[in-house]
Amino acid sequence: MVHAMSVNDALEADAAAPRRTRGRPRKSADERDDGNRRQELLRVAARLFRTQGFDATSTRDIAAAAGMRSGSPFYHFESKEALLAAVMVEGMERALQRQADAMAQAAAGAQQQSRSLSARDCIRVLVRNHFDVLVGPESDFIPVMLYEWRSLSPSERSAVKALKDRYETVWVPVLDALNASGELSGDVRLARLLIFGALNWTAQWYQPNERASLDALTDAALQLFLKDKA
């Protein structure tokens, strides 16, 4: 079993993403509309950056796809590079929240069955959720981060890396526990890098109409990475 404190510590780190506080004054209609337009720009930009590439996508392309005037993106973002960084930050913040939700839901389900999550349970949840982040609905954000990383400035890269590190922190105690039980062999740090490399490559070839479901992909991945207890 995964040591309770290790998993809890990791989940607390993952759940530290800022949330809207209660009692905050309601936004005006214009402010809400600005927020919606910003989100639409991020969504459209993520899709175009993923399908066309950052260099081949202009702000005019993004504005047109979002149904805005050509200069409208600059009301929200000072440059195309700033928009790219915002897409990556948005993607990582969404991934952090989805991962925290998936782990919390799994823990609640196990509690209802009067049991605790094993390390194998946890890695299944993490891998399945990661596939959803990579190739599920609204999944353009993270692939953009994976393949347009070099287009960021050093400071932007540092900010995105901090979020990425928080995401991976949740995996560390789980992989450590699997290594201790003999279900994962070799150096844990190298194993983590190889696992993420293999999973992330799915964004290059998987199509939603593939015969393999995300559950089937998860099963196949775990068969590759893990072995029966020693």
Protein backbone atom coordinates (compact mmCIF):
# COMPACT_ATOMS: atom_id res chain seq x y z
CA MET A 1 0.00 0.00 0.00
CA VAL A 2 1.10 3.58 -0.57
CA HIS A 3 2.05 5.19 2.71
CA ALA A 4 -0.83 7.51 3.63
CA MET A 5 1.34 10.51 4.48
CA SER A 6 3.29 10.26 1.22
CA VAL A 7 0.15 10.31 -0.91
CA ASN A 8 -1.52 12.98 1.19
CA ASP A 9 1.56 15.21 1.01
CA ALA A 10 1.66 14.84 -2.75
CA LEU A 11 -2.05 15.51 -3.14
CA GLU A 12 -1.82 18.60 -0.96
CA ALA A 13 0.99 19.93 -3.14
CA ASP A 14 -1.06 19.20 -6.26
CA ALA A 15 -4.20 20.80 -4.85
CA ALA A 16 -2.43 24.05 -4.03
CA ALA A 17 -3.58 25.67 -7.27
CA PRO A 18 -5.27 29.00 -6.61
CA ARG A 19 -9.04 28.85 -6.36
CA ARG A 20 -11.65 31.56 -6.41
CA THR A 21 -12.34 32.75 -2.89
CA ARG A 22 -15.82 33.22 -1.51
CA GLY A 23 -17.23 36.66 -0.97
CA ARG A 24 -15.51 38.18 -3.97
CA PRO A 25 -17.62 40.92 -5.62
CA ARG A 26 -19.45 39.78 -8.70
CA LYS A 27 -17.96 40.83 -12.02
CA SER A 28 -19.83 43.15 -14.30
CA ALA A 29 -21.21 41.87 -17.61
CA ASP A 30 -18.30 43.50 -19.47
CA GLU A 31 -15.73 41.93 -17.14
CA ARG A 32 -17.30 38.51 -17.56
CA ASP A 33 -17.30 38.96 -21.32
CA ASP A 34 -13.61 39.92 -21.28
CA GLY A 35 -12.87 36.75 -19.32
CA ASN A 36 -14.85 34.66 -21.78
CA ARG A 37 -13.05 36.24 -24.72
CA ARG A 38 -9.69 35.57 -23.10
CA GLN A 39 -10.62 31.91 -22.60
CA GLU A 40 -11.80 31.67 -26.19
CA LEU A 41 -8.51 33.12 -27.40
CA LEU A 42 -6.59 30.59 -25.32
CA ARG A 43 -8.70 27.70 -26.64
CA VAL A 44 -8.40 28.77 -30.27
CA ALA A 45 -4.70 29.59 -29.96
CA ALA A 46 -4.00 26.19 -28.40
CA ARG A 47 -5.75 24.45 -31.29
CA LEU A 48 -3.95 26.45 -33.98
CA PHE A 49 -0.55 26.24 -32.29
CA ARG A 50 -1.01 22.47 -32.11
CA THR A 51 -2.26 21.91 -35.65
CA GLN A 52 -0.25 24.58 -37.53
CA GLY A 53 2.71 25.20 -35.24
CA PHE A 54 3.58 28.38 -33.37
CA ASP A 55 5.71 29.95 -36.10
CA ALA A 56 3.12 29.31 -38.82
CA THR A 57 0.24 30.78 -36.81
CA SER A 58 -0.33 34.55 -36.81
CA THR A 59 -2.35 36.60 -34.36
CA ARG A 60 -4.58 37.44 -37.33
CA ASP A 61 -5.26 33.69 -37.74
CA ILE A 62 -6.14 33.40 -34.07
CA ALA A 63 -8.39 36.46 -34.09
CA ALA A 64 -10.24 35.24 -37.19
CA ALA A 65 -10.78 31.78 -35.70
CA ALA A 66 -12.10 33.39 -32.52
CA GLY A 67 -14.43 35.69 -34.45
CA MET A 68 -12.59 38.85 -33.38
CA ARG A 69 -10.93 41.77 -35.08
CA SER A 70 -7.28 41.26 -36.02
CA GLY A 71 -5.99 43.49 -33.22
CA SER A 72 -8.23 42.13 -30.48
CA PRO A 73 -5.75 39.54 -29.12
CA PHE A 74 -3.41 42.37 -28.11
CA TYR A 75 -6.07 43.67 -25.72
CA HIS A 76 -5.52 40.50 -23.70
CA PHE A 77 -1.92 39.55 -24.53
CA GLU A 78 0.96 41.86 -25.37
CA SER A 79 2.41 39.52 -28.01
CA LYS A 80 1.97 36.16 -29.69
CA GLU A 81 4.76 34.85 -27.46
CA ALA A 82 2.84 35.96 -24.35
CA LEU A 83 -0.25 34.18 -25.69
CA LEU A 84 1.79 31.01 -26.17
CA ALA A 85 3.02 31.18 -22.58
CA ALA A 86 -0.54 31.73 -21.36
CA VAL A 87 -1.70 28.66 -23.32
CA MET A 88 0.94 26.55 -21.59
CA VAL A 89 0.15 27.92 -18.13
CA GLU A 90 -3.56 27.36 -18.72
CA GLY A 91 -2.86 23.82 -19.85
CA MET A 92 -0.75 22.97 -16.82
CA GLU A 93 -3.22 24.53 -14.39
CA ARG A 94 -6.03 22.50 -15.96
CA ALA A 95 -3.89 19.36 -15.80
CA LEU A 96 -3.10 19.96 -12.12
CA GLN A 97 -6.76 20.37 -11.25
CA ARG A 98 -7.85 17.33 -13.25
CA GLN A 99 -5.16 15.21 -11.67
CA ALA A 100 -6.14 16.33 -8.16
CA ASP A 101 -9.80 15.62 -8.92
CA ALA A 102 -9.00 12.16 -10.32
CA MET A 103 -6.93 11.19 -7.28
CA ALA A 104 -9.52 12.54 -4.86
CA GLN A 105 -12.31 10.64 -6.62
CA ALA A 106 -10.27 7.42 -6.52
CA ALA A 107 -9.50 7.90 -2.82
CA ALA A 108 -13.19 8.51 -2.07
CA GLY A 109 -14.17 5.37 -3.97
CA ALA A 110 -11.64 3.28 -2.06
CA GLN A 111 -12.84 4.74 1.23
CA GLN A 112 -16.40 3.68 0.43
CA GLN A 113 -15.05 0.15 0.01
CA SER A 114 -13.24 0.43 3.38
CA ARG A 115 -9.81 0.12 1.85
CA SER A 116 -6.88 2.31 0.97
CA LEU A 117 -5.42 2.91 -2.46
CA SER A 118 -2.48 0.71 -3.38
CA ALA A 119 0.44 2.07 -5.36
CA ARG A 120 -0.86 0.12 -8.36
CA ASP A 121 -4.28 1.74 -7.95
CA CYS A 122 -2.67 5.16 -7.88
CA ILE A 123 -0.48 4.68 -10.94
CA ARG A 124 -3.50 3.48 -12.90
CA VAL A 125 -5.41 6.64 -11.98
CA LEU A 126 -2.43 8.86 -12.83
CA VAL A 127 -1.73 7.20 -16.18
CA ARG A 128 -5.41 7.15 -17.21
CA ASN A 129 -5.83 10.79 -16.29
CA HIS A 130 -2.63 11.73 -18.12
CA PHE A 131 -3.98 10.14 -21.30
CA ASP A 132 -7.13 12.19 -20.88
CA VAL A 133 -5.05 15.35 -20.47
CA LEU A 134 -3.02 14.51 -23.58
CA VAL A 135 -5.65 13.25 -26.04
CA GLY A 136 -9.05 13.68 -24.40
CA PRO A 137 -11.50 16.58 -24.88
CA GLU A 138 -9.92 20.04 -24.90
CA SER A 139 -6.49 18.41 -25.08
CA ASP A 140 -4.63 20.89 -27.29
CA PHE A 141 -2.96 22.74 -24.42
CA ILE A 142 -0.45 20.18 -23.15
CA PRO A 143 0.81 19.02 -26.58
CA VAL A 144 1.54 22.68 -27.36
CA MET A 145 3.63 22.82 -24.18
CA LEU A 146 5.48 19.64 -25.15
CA TYR A 147 6.39 20.70 -28.69
CA GLU A 148 6.67 24.50 -28.55
CA TRP A 149 8.73 24.67 -25.36
CA ARG A 150 11.72 26.34 -27.01
CA SER A 151 9.63 29.29 -28.17
CA LEU A 152 9.27 30.54 -24.59
CA SER A 153 11.54 33.08 -22.97
CA PRO A 154 13.68 31.84 -20.04
CA SER A 155 11.37 33.46 -17.47
CA GLU A 156 8.23 32.04 -19.12
CA ARG A 157 9.89 28.62 -19.32
CA SER A 158 10.67 28.79 -15.61
CA ALA A 159 7.06 29.57 -14.72
CA VAL A 160 5.71 26.69 -16.79
CA LYS A 161 8.36 24.32 -15.43
CA ALA A 162 7.28 25.11 -11.87
CA LEU A 163 3.75 23.96 -12.72
CA LYS A 164 5.06 20.88 -14.52
CA ASP A 165 7.16 19.97 -11.48
CA ARG A 166 4.09 20.23 -9.24
CA TYR A 167 2.21 17.91 -11.57
CA GLU A 168 4.97 15.30 -11.49
CA THR A 169 5.43 15.59 -7.72
CA VAL A 170 2.27 13.53 -7.20
CA TRP A 171 3.81 10.65 -9.14
CA VAL A 172 7.00 10.46 -7.09
CA PRO A 173 5.74 8.71 -3.90
CA VAL A 174 3.67 6.34 -6.03
CA LEU A 175 6.67 5.31 -8.15
CA ASP A 176 8.80 5.02 -5.00
CA ALA A 177 6.24 2.66 -3.48
CA LEU A 178 6.08 0.57 -6.65
CA ASN A 179 9.85 0.34 -6.66
CA ALA A 180 9.89 -0.72 -3.01
CA SER A 181 7.33 -3.47 -3.70
CA GLY A 182 9.29 -4.78 -6.67
CA GLU A 183 6.63 -3.78 -9.21
CA LEU A 184 8.87 -1.15 -10.79
CA SER A 185 12.54 -1.91 -11.24
CA GLY A 186 15.50 0.34 -11.93
CA ASP A 187 16.24 3.92 -11.01
CA VAL A 188 12.97 5.65 -10.11
CA ARG A 189 13.95 9.02 -11.54
CA LEU A 190 14.90 7.49 -14.88
CA ALA A 191 11.75 5.38 -14.84
CA ARG A 192 9.64 8.51 -14.31
CA LEU A 193 11.31 10.29 -17.24
CA LEU A 194 10.88 7.26 -19.50
CA ILE A 195 7.25 6.81 -18.49
CA PHE A 196 6.39 10.43 -19.23
CA GLY A 197 8.31 10.27 -22.50
CA ALA A 198 6.32 7.23 -23.62
CA LEU A 199 2.97 8.60 -22.49
CA ASN A 200 3.55 12.06 -23.97
CA TRP A 201 4.39 10.61 -27.40
CA THR A 202 0.79 9.40 -27.58
CA ALA A 203 -0.20 12.97 -28.46
CA GLN A 204 1.63 12.49 -31.78
CA TRP A 205 -0.17 9.41 -33.03
CA TYR A 206 -3.40 8.75 -31.15
CA GLN A 207 -6.68 9.63 -32.82
CA PRO A 208 -10.06 9.63 -31.00
CA ASN A 209 -11.44 7.15 -33.54
CA GLU A 210 -8.65 4.64 -32.88
CA ARG A 211 -9.86 1.20 -31.89
CA ALA A 212 -7.97 1.41 -28.60
CA SER A 213 -9.85 3.31 -25.90
CA LEU A 214 -8.02 5.35 -23.29
CA ASP A 215 -8.73 2.57 -20.80
CA ALA A 216 -7.11 0.08 -23.18
CA LEU A 217 -4.12 2.39 -23.60
CA THR A 218 -3.82 2.56 -19.83
CA ASP A 219 -3.83 -1.23 -19.54
CA ALA A 220 -1.16 -1.53 -22.26
CA ALA A 221 1.03 1.12 -20.64
CA LEU A 222 0.88 -0.51 -17.21
CA GLN A 223 1.76 -3.89 -18.73
CA LEU A 224 4.89 -2.27 -20.19
CA PHE A 225 5.94 -0.39 -17.08
CA LEU A 226 5.02 -2.70 -14.22
CA LYS A 227 5.56 -6.30 -13.24
CA ASP A 228 4.01 -8.51 -10.59
CA LYS A 229 5.22 -8.07 -7.03
CA ALA A 230 8.51 -9.74 -6.28
